[in-house]
Amino acid sequence: MSKASFATFLIICPTCFLLGTIFTNWTFDHATLWTSLPPTTPTLQAIESHYAHLHHAPPIIPRVLHITIGTGILGFLAKLYKPSESNMLFDGASLVLYMIALVMYGTNVVKGLRIIAEGEYGEEVGRVDTLRVVAASQVIIALVLVGVLVLQSGQWYAERKEEQEVRGIELEEERERERERDERRCGASASGGKKKN
């Protein structure tokens, strides 16, 4: 496995892991984002209970999450060390998207979880709106992380196509050299035959 492949692995695995953690929350977010009916009180209590449990999780849970996020950043740093043009475009854009997701997580989701766990909602942004902000932030994070995966797969495809084109050009050049050698041999043997006559 090459350095670039391993670094890509360090980006894709954490991104997929983070998408999975967001996906587990969507069963609770559905009632606040994707239905036209206002959520009922028991539904809101279930959502608050879920997010309060997440906020009060044992310290190992957020540590694993933060290590996973850090692993993704490490993958980007490895790929952007002495970058090629492809790395600058695809990995640079992927890193921007990854950082957008990280900022959204830190500003909206973590702050929202803290507010939900404490149960102290503001006057301007009430209970339902706070839950909607957390849910919408997670949807945006998911879309941004899917963008990271699309860019990484696009980079893989572009590099693969470039390798195929280079191989094709090299094969064509090799065939051309062989043709020239054959022509020289034929020319040399033909001129050698004329001298004997």
C-alpha atoms as a PDB file:
ATOM      1  CA  MET A   1       0.000   0.000   0.000  1.00  0.00           C
ATOM      2  CA  SER A   2       1.481   3.348  -1.048  1.00  0.00           C
ATOM      3  CA  LYS A   3       1.660   6.431   1.151  1.00  0.00           C
ATOM      4  CA  ALA A   4      -1.126   8.123  -0.822  1.00  0.00           C
ATOM      5  CA  SER A   5      -3.383   5.055  -0.551  1.00  0.00           C
ATOM      6  CA  PHE A   6      -2.853   4.826   3.199  1.00  0.00           C
ATOM      7  CA  ALA A   7      -3.514   8.555   3.620  1.00  0.00           C
ATOM      8  CA  THR A   8      -6.711   8.193   1.576  1.00  0.00           C
ATOM      9  CA  PHE A   9      -7.685   5.309   3.868  1.00  0.00           C
ATOM     10  CA  LEU A  10      -7.085   7.643   6.854  1.00  0.00           C
ATOM     11  CA  ILE A  11      -9.536  10.113   5.310  1.00  0.00           C
ATOM     12  CA  ILE A  12     -12.267   7.796   4.045  1.00  0.00           C
ATOM     13  CA  CYS A  13     -12.621   5.594   7.145  1.00  0.00           C
ATOM     14  CA  PRO A  14     -13.158   8.452   9.642  1.00  0.00           C
ATOM     15  CA  THR A  15     -15.500  10.188   7.202  1.00  0.00           C
ATOM     16  CA  CYS A  16     -17.629   7.044   6.904  1.00  0.00           C
ATOM     17  CA  PHE A  17     -17.535   6.562  10.686  1.00  0.00           C
ATOM     18  CA  LEU A  18     -18.733  10.138  11.228  1.00  0.00           C
ATOM     19  CA  LEU A  19     -21.512   9.660   8.683  1.00  0.00           C
ATOM     20  CA  GLY A  20     -22.576   6.548  10.601  1.00  0.00           C
ATOM     21  CA  THR A  21     -22.736   8.399  13.909  1.00  0.00           C
ATOM     22  CA  ILE A  22     -24.843  11.124  12.314  1.00  0.00           C
ATOM     23  CA  PHE A  23     -27.115   8.535  10.710  1.00  0.00           C
ATOM     24  CA  THR A  24     -27.949   7.038  14.122  1.00  0.00           C
ATOM     25  CA  ASN A  25     -29.412  10.390  15.183  1.00  0.00           C
ATOM     26  CA  TRP A  26     -31.693  10.718  12.174  1.00  0.00           C
ATOM     27  CA  THR A  27     -34.407   8.553  13.705  1.00  0.00           C
ATOM     28  CA  PHE A  28     -34.797  11.260  16.351  1.00  0.00           C
ATOM     29  CA  ASP A  29     -34.278  14.197  13.987  1.00  0.00           C
ATOM     30  CA  HIS A  30     -36.978  12.996  11.608  1.00  0.00           C
ATOM     31  CA  ALA A  31     -39.798  14.383  13.745  1.00  0.00           C
ATOM     32  CA  THR A  32     -38.269  17.859  13.889  1.00  0.00           C
ATOM     33  CA  LEU A  33     -37.097  18.224  10.285  1.00  0.00           C
ATOM     34  CA  TRP A  34     -38.934  15.983   7.872  1.00  0.00           C
ATOM     35  CA  THR A  35     -42.569  16.090   8.968  1.00  0.00           C
ATOM     36  CA  SER A  36     -45.040  18.921   8.469  1.00  0.00           C
ATOM     37  CA  LEU A  37     -46.825  18.224  11.758  1.00  0.00           C
ATOM     38  CA  PRO A  38     -45.420  19.839  14.889  1.00  0.00           C
ATOM     39  CA  PRO A  39     -43.683  17.296  17.135  1.00  0.00           C
ATOM     40  CA  THR A  40     -45.662  16.061  20.124  1.00  0.00           C
ATOM     41  CA  THR A  41     -44.473  16.488  23.700  1.00  0.00           C
ATOM     42  CA  PRO A  42     -43.530  12.774  24.099  1.00  0.00           C
ATOM     43  CA  THR A  43     -41.551  12.982  20.842  1.00  0.00           C
ATOM     44  CA  LEU A  44     -39.691  16.066  22.050  1.00  0.00           C
ATOM     45  CA  GLN A  45     -38.962  14.347  25.367  1.00  0.00           C
ATOM     46  CA  ALA A  46     -37.578  11.296  23.534  1.00  0.00           C
ATOM     47  CA  ILE A  47     -35.337  13.503  21.382  1.00  0.00           C
ATOM     48  CA  GLU A  48     -34.139  15.456  24.421  1.00  0.00           C
ATOM     49  CA  SER A  49     -33.486  12.236  26.308  1.00  0.00           C
ATOM     50  CA  HIS A  50     -31.433  10.856  23.405  1.00  0.00           C
ATOM     51  CA  TYR A  51     -29.306  13.981  23.089  1.00  0.00           C
ATOM     52  CA  ALA A  52     -28.927  14.325  26.866  1.00  0.00           C
ATOM     53  CA  HIS A  53     -27.599  10.735  26.958  1.00  0.00           C
ATOM     54  CA  LEU A  54     -25.143  11.617  24.206  1.00  0.00           C
ATOM     55  CA  HIS A  55     -24.009  14.706  26.093  1.00  0.00           C
ATOM     56  CA  HIS A  56     -23.575  12.775  29.354  1.00  0.00           C
ATOM     57  CA  ALA A  57     -21.877   9.775  27.702  1.00  0.00           C
ATOM     58  CA  PRO A  58     -18.789   8.323  29.392  1.00  0.00           C
ATOM     59  CA  PRO A  59     -15.622  10.275  28.486  1.00  0.00           C
ATOM     60  CA  ILE A  60     -14.364   7.448  26.260  1.00  0.00           C
ATOM     61  CA  ILE A  61     -17.176   8.091  23.739  1.00  0.00           C
ATOM     62  CA  PRO A  62     -16.250  11.715  22.892  1.00  0.00           C
ATOM     63  CA  ARG A  63     -12.565  10.777  23.006  1.00  0.00           C
ATOM     64  CA  VAL A  64     -13.078   8.076  20.376  1.00  0.00           C
ATOM     65  CA  LEU A  65     -15.037  10.565  18.275  1.00  0.00           C
ATOM     66  CA  HIS A  66     -12.308  13.194  18.576  1.00  0.00           C
ATOM     67  CA  ILE A  67      -9.560  10.661  17.812  1.00  0.00           C
ATOM     68  CA  THR A  68     -11.515   9.655  14.713  1.00  0.00           C
ATOM     69  CA  ILE A  69     -11.794  13.295  13.632  1.00  0.00           C
ATOM     70  CA  GLY A  70      -8.070  13.762  14.284  1.00  0.00           C
ATOM     71  CA  THR A  71      -7.259  10.676  12.216  1.00  0.00           C
ATOM     72  CA  GLY A  72      -9.038  12.247   9.250  1.00  0.00           C
ATOM     73  CA  ILE A  73      -7.038  15.460   9.666  1.00  0.00           C
ATOM     74  CA  LEU A  74      -3.836  13.390   9.883  1.00  0.00           C
ATOM     75  CA  GLY A  75      -4.767  11.750   6.565  1.00  0.00           C
ATOM     76  CA  PHE A  76      -5.197  15.166   4.940  1.00  0.00           C
ATOM     77  CA  LEU A  77      -1.862  16.380   6.306  1.00  0.00           C
ATOM     78  CA  ALA A  78      -0.133  13.249   4.983  1.00  0.00           C
ATOM     79  CA  LYS A  79      -1.630  13.716   1.510  1.00  0.00           C
ATOM     80  CA  LEU A  80      -0.920  17.446   1.404  1.00  0.00           C
ATOM     81  CA  TYR A  81       2.729  17.038   2.438  1.00  0.00           C
ATOM     82  CA  LYS A  82       4.680  17.652  -0.793  1.00  0.00           C
ATOM     83  CA  PRO A  83       1.451  17.744  -2.797  1.00  0.00           C
ATOM     84  CA  SER A  84       0.930  17.083  -6.471  1.00  0.00           C
ATOM     85  CA  GLU A  85      -1.480  19.174  -8.536  1.00  0.00           C
ATOM     86  CA  SER A  86      -4.169  16.545  -7.987  1.00  0.00           C
ATOM     87  CA  ASN A  87      -3.611  16.662  -4.235  1.00  0.00           C
ATOM     88  CA  MET A  88      -3.892  20.431  -4.148  1.00  0.00           C
ATOM     89  CA  LEU A  89      -7.225  20.402  -5.968  1.00  0.00           C
ATOM     90  CA  PHE A  90      -9.024  17.359  -4.610  1.00  0.00           C
ATOM     91  CA  ASP A  91      -7.475  17.115  -1.145  1.00  0.00           C
ATOM     92  CA  GLY A  92      -7.499  20.873  -0.626  1.00  0.00           C
ATOM     93  CA  ALA A  93     -11.218  21.017  -1.402  1.00  0.00           C
ATOM     94  CA  SER A  94     -11.843  17.909   0.724  1.00  0.00           C
ATOM     95  CA  LEU A  95      -9.987  19.478   3.646  1.00  0.00           C
ATOM     96  CA  VAL A  96     -12.087  22.651   3.349  1.00  0.00           C
ATOM     97  CA  LEU A  97     -15.286  20.561   3.461  1.00  0.00           C
ATOM     98  CA  TYR A  98     -13.954  18.493   6.381  1.00  0.00           C
ATOM     99  CA  MET A  99     -13.143  21.670   8.318  1.00  0.00           C
ATOM    100  CA  ILE A 100     -16.627  23.070   7.577  1.00  0.00           C
ATOM    101  CA  ALA A 101     -18.083  19.899   9.100  1.00  0.00           C
ATOM    102  CA  LEU A 102     -15.772  20.230  12.103  1.00  0.00           C
ATOM    103  CA  VAL A 103     -16.744  23.874  12.688  1.00  0.00           C
ATOM    104  CA  MET A 104     -20.458  23.037  12.355  1.00  0.00           C
ATOM    105  CA  TYR A 105     -19.992  20.208  14.846  1.00  0.00           C
ATOM    106  CA  GLY A 106     -18.193  22.445  17.336  1.00  0.00           C
ATOM    107  CA  THR A 107     -20.442  25.478  17.064  1.00  0.00           C
ATOM    108  CA  ASN A 108     -23.917  24.055  16.489  1.00  0.00           C
ATOM    109  CA  VAL A 109     -24.020  20.425  17.579  1.00  0.00           C
ATOM    110  CA  VAL A 110     -21.878  20.541  20.734  1.00  0.00           C
ATOM    111  CA  LYS A 111     -23.448  23.804  21.874  1.00  0.00           C
ATOM    112  CA  GLY A 112     -26.923  22.441  21.088  1.00  0.00           C
ATOM    113  CA  LEU A 113     -26.255  19.232  23.029  1.00  0.00           C
ATOM    114  CA  ARG A 114     -25.128  21.290  26.013  1.00  0.00           C
ATOM    115  CA  ILE A 115     -28.291  23.426  25.899  1.00  0.00           C
ATOM    116  CA  ILE A 116     -30.530  20.359  25.498  1.00  0.00           C
ATOM    117  CA  ALA A 117     -28.820  18.526  28.380  1.00  0.00           C
ATOM    118  CA  GLU A 118     -29.195  21.538  30.686  1.00  0.00           C
ATOM    119  CA  GLY A 119     -32.778  22.163  29.522  1.00  0.00           C
ATOM    120  CA  GLU A 120     -32.239  25.926  29.538  1.00  0.00           C
ATOM    121  CA  TYR A 121     -33.554  27.120  26.198  1.00  0.00           C
ATOM    122  CA  GLY A 122     -33.340  30.755  25.169  1.00  0.00           C
ATOM    123  CA  GLU A 123     -36.246  33.088  24.557  1.00  0.00           C
ATOM    124  CA  GLU A 124     -35.478  33.679  20.868  1.00  0.00           C
ATOM    125  CA  VAL A 125     -34.530  30.090  20.086  1.00  0.00           C
ATOM    126  CA  GLY A 126     -36.881  27.839  22.022  1.00  0.00           C
ATOM    127  CA  ARG A 127     -37.071  24.114  22.624  1.00  0.00           C
ATOM    128  CA  VAL A 128     -38.259  22.997  19.169  1.00  0.00           C
ATOM    129  CA  ASP A 129     -36.000  25.438  17.330  1.00  0.00           C
ATOM    130  CA  THR A 130     -32.936  24.260  19.260  1.00  0.00           C
ATOM    131  CA  LEU A 131     -33.711  20.654  18.355  1.00  0.00           C
ATOM    132  CA  ARG A 132     -34.214  21.705  14.726  1.00  0.00           C
ATOM    133  CA  VAL A 133     -30.899  23.569  14.654  1.00  0.00           C
ATOM    134  CA  VAL A 134     -29.068  20.477  15.941  1.00  0.00           C
ATOM    135  CA  ALA A 135     -30.880  18.263  13.431  1.00  0.00           C
ATOM    136  CA  ALA A 136     -30.307  20.631  10.498  1.00  0.00           C
ATOM    137  CA  SER A 137     -26.643  21.016  11.440  1.00  0.00           C
ATOM    138  CA  GLN A 138     -26.219  17.260  11.342  1.00  0.00           C
ATOM    139  CA  VAL A 139     -27.845  17.084   7.900  1.00  0.00           C
ATOM    140  CA  ILE A 140     -25.480  19.790   6.634  1.00  0.00           C
ATOM    141  CA  ILE A 141     -22.511  17.961   8.175  1.00  0.00           C
ATOM    142  CA  ALA A 142     -23.632  14.736   6.481  1.00  0.00           C
ATOM    143  CA  LEU A 143     -23.879  16.458   3.086  1.00  0.00           C
ATOM    144  CA  VAL A 144     -20.463  18.042   3.528  1.00  0.00           C
ATOM    145  CA  LEU A 145     -18.920  14.685   4.497  1.00  0.00           C
ATOM    146  CA  VAL A 146     -20.524  13.050   1.454  1.00  0.00           C
ATOM    147  CA  GLY A 147     -18.804  15.807  -0.531  1.00  0.00           C
ATOM    148  CA  VAL A 148     -15.479  14.700   0.974  1.00  0.00           C
ATOM    149  CA  LEU A 149     -16.147  11.127  -0.167  1.00  0.00           C
ATOM    150  CA  VAL A 150     -17.145  12.301  -3.659  1.00  0.00           C
ATOM    151  CA  LEU A 151     -13.961  14.364  -3.996  1.00  0.00           C
ATOM    152  CA  GLN A 152     -11.780  11.494  -2.774  1.00  0.00           C
ATOM    153  CA  SER A 153     -13.388   9.060  -5.211  1.00  0.00           C
ATOM    154  CA  GLY A 154     -13.093  11.689  -7.969  1.00  0.00           C
ATOM    155  CA  GLN A 155      -9.387  11.998  -7.247  1.00  0.00           C
ATOM    156  CA  TRP A 156      -8.972   8.224  -7.402  1.00  0.00           C
ATOM    157  CA  TYR A 157     -10.832   8.104 -10.733  1.00  0.00           C
ATOM    158  CA  ALA A 158      -8.822  11.006 -12.210  1.00  0.00           C
ATOM    159  CA  GLU A 159      -5.504   9.462 -11.146  1.00  0.00           C
ATOM    160  CA  ARG A 160      -6.530   6.082 -12.532  1.00  0.00           C
ATOM    161  CA  LYS A 161      -7.549   7.621 -15.871  1.00  0.00           C
ATOM    162  CA  GLU A 162      -4.265   9.536 -16.029  1.00  0.00           C
ATOM    163  CA  GLU A 163      -2.282   6.337 -15.368  1.00  0.00           C
ATOM    164  CA  GLN A 164      -4.198   4.548 -18.140  1.00  0.00           C
ATOM    165  CA  GLU A 165      -3.496   7.377 -20.581  1.00  0.00           C
ATOM    166  CA  VAL A 166       0.205   7.442 -19.671  1.00  0.00           C
ATOM    167  CA  ARG A 167       0.389   3.656 -20.087  1.00  0.00           C
ATOM    168  CA  GLY A 168      -1.329   3.939 -23.468  1.00  0.00           C
ATOM    169  CA  ILE A 169       1.117   6.630 -24.617  1.00  0.00           C
ATOM    170  CA  GLU A 170       4.092   4.579 -23.391  1.00  0.00           C
ATOM    171  CA  LEU A 171       2.814   1.479 -25.220  1.00  0.00           C
ATOM    172  CA  GLU A 172       2.315   3.490 -28.409  1.00  0.00           C
ATOM    173  CA  GLU A 173       5.835   4.926 -28.139  1.00  0.00           C
ATOM    174  CA  GLU A 174       7.246   1.434 -27.566  1.00  0.00           C
ATOM    175  CA  ARG A 175       5.410   0.119 -30.641  1.00  0.00           C
ATOM    176  CA  GLU A 176       6.730   3.042 -32.688  1.00  0.00           C
ATOM    177  CA  ARG A 177      10.310   2.307 -31.562  1.00  0.00           C
ATOM    178  CA  GLU A 178       9.885  -1.367 -32.449  1.00  0.00           C
ATOM    179  CA  ARG A 179       8.566  -0.398 -35.900  1.00  0.00           C
ATOM    180  CA  GLU A 180      11.561   1.874 -36.442  1.00  0.00           C
ATOM    181  CA  ARG A 181      13.942  -0.920 -35.349  1.00  0.00           C
ATOM    182  CA  ASP A 182      12.220  -3.367 -37.684  1.00  0.00           C
ATOM    183  CA  GLU A 183      12.436  -0.869 -40.544  1.00  0.00           C
ATOM    184  CA  ARG A 184      16.162  -0.340 -39.869  1.00  0.00           C
ATOM    185  CA  ARG A 185      16.746  -4.096 -39.784  1.00  0.00           C
ATOM    186  CA  CYS A 186      14.805  -4.601 -42.996  1.00  0.00           C
ATOM    187  CA  GLY A 187      16.660  -1.698 -44.603  1.00  0.00           C
ATOM    188  CA  ALA A 188      20.030  -3.023 -43.402  1.00  0.00           C
ATOM    189  CA  SER A 189      19.319  -6.559 -44.601  1.00  0.00           C
ATOM    190  CA  ALA A 190      18.024  -5.251 -47.956  1.00  0.00           C
ATOM    191  CA  SER A 191      21.120  -3.095 -48.491  1.00  0.00           C
ATOM    192  CA  GLY A 192      23.331  -6.026 -47.427  1.00  0.00           C
ATOM    193  CA  GLY A 193      21.622  -8.243 -50.021  1.00  0.00           C
ATOM    194  CA  LYS A 194      22.182  -5.630 -52.790  1.00  0.00           C
ATOM    195  CA  LYS A 195      25.923  -5.406 -52.004  1.00  0.00           C
ATOM    196  CA  LYS A 196      26.309  -9.162 -52.408  1.00  0.00           C
ATOM    197  CA  ASN A 197      24.705  -9.040 -55.859  1.00  0.00           C
END
